[in-house]
């Protein structure tokens, strides 16, 4: 697997999913510290399969399964 690509995609996906979960928690009036931390944790966990899937699909399209162009 292309770990460099995975780390870039994970950084973007985790930021987006944390933001979405945080906004959803605040919209539904879960504004306590525990609720916000839970929303961030769920966002981090949701980003892992998304990043894995996107990394595999992009690697398959480009033909570079391993990272760093070796």
Protein backbone atom coordinates (compact mmCIF):
# COMPACT_ATOMS: atom_id res chain seq x y z
CA UNK A 1 0.00 0.00 0.00
CA UNK A 2 1.09 3.52 -0.71
CA UNK A 3 1.54 4.85 2.83
CA UNK A 4 2.47 8.36 1.74
CA UNK A 5 -0.77 8.67 -0.22
CA UNK A 6 -2.72 7.11 2.65
CA UNK A 7 -1.38 9.62 5.17
CA UNK A 8 -2.31 12.59 2.98
CA UNK A 9 -5.80 11.26 2.30
CA UNK A 10 -6.27 10.34 5.97
CA UNK A 11 -5.31 13.84 7.06
CA UNK A 12 -7.94 15.35 4.78
CA UNK A 13 -10.61 12.72 5.49
CA UNK A 14 -10.20 12.90 9.26
CA UNK A 15 -10.48 16.69 9.24
CA UNK A 16 -13.65 16.58 7.16
CA UNK A 17 -15.29 13.74 9.10
CA UNK A 18 -14.41 15.31 12.48
CA UNK A 19 -15.91 18.58 11.31
CA UNK A 20 -19.09 16.91 10.09
CA UNK A 21 -19.54 14.96 13.32
CA UNK A 22 -18.83 18.05 15.40
CA UNK A 23 -21.36 20.12 13.47
CA UNK A 24 -23.94 17.34 13.79
CA UNK A 25 -23.35 17.13 17.54
CA UNK A 26 -23.75 20.88 17.96
CA UNK A 27 -26.88 21.01 15.78
CA UNK A 28 -28.52 18.33 17.91
CA UNK A 29 -27.59 20.29 21.05
CA UNK A 30 -24.95 17.87 22.33
CA UNK A 31 -22.62 20.66 23.44
CA UNK A 32 -21.00 19.07 26.48
CA UNK A 33 -17.30 18.29 26.55
CA UNK A 34 -17.86 14.54 26.52
CA UNK A 35 -20.18 14.77 23.52
CA UNK A 36 -17.76 16.90 21.54
CA UNK A 37 -14.85 14.57 22.28
CA UNK A 38 -16.99 11.60 21.26
CA UNK A 39 -17.88 13.30 17.99
CA UNK A 40 -14.19 13.93 17.29
CA UNK A 41 -13.35 10.30 18.10
CA UNK A 42 -16.08 9.00 15.82
CA UNK A 43 -14.83 11.28 13.06
CA UNK A 44 -11.30 9.92 13.43
CA UNK A 45 -12.54 6.34 13.29
CA UNK A 46 -14.77 6.99 10.28
CA UNK A 47 -11.85 8.42 8.34
CA UNK A 48 -9.80 5.21 8.44
CA UNK A 49 -11.93 3.06 6.09
CA UNK A 50 -12.58 6.05 3.84
CA UNK A 51 -8.85 6.73 3.49
CA UNK A 52 -8.07 3.07 2.91
CA UNK A 53 -10.69 2.79 0.18
CA UNK A 54 -9.61 5.97 -1.58
CA UNK A 55 -5.93 5.02 -1.38
CA UNK A 56 -6.58 1.62 -2.94
CA UNK A 57 -8.71 3.11 -5.72
CA UNK A 58 -6.21 5.86 -6.56
CA UNK A 59 -3.30 3.39 -6.45
CA UNK A 60 -5.16 1.08 -8.82
CA UNK A 61 -5.83 3.93 -11.25
CA UNK A 62 -2.25 5.21 -11.26
CA UNK A 63 -0.69 1.75 -11.23
CA UNK A 64 1.62 2.57 -8.34
CA UNK A 65 0.80 0.19 -5.52
CA UNK A 66 3.91 1.09 -3.51
CA UNK A 67 4.81 4.57 -2.41
CA UNK A 68 7.61 6.97 -3.27
CA UNK A 69 7.66 6.03 -6.97
CA UNK A 70 10.10 3.13 -6.53
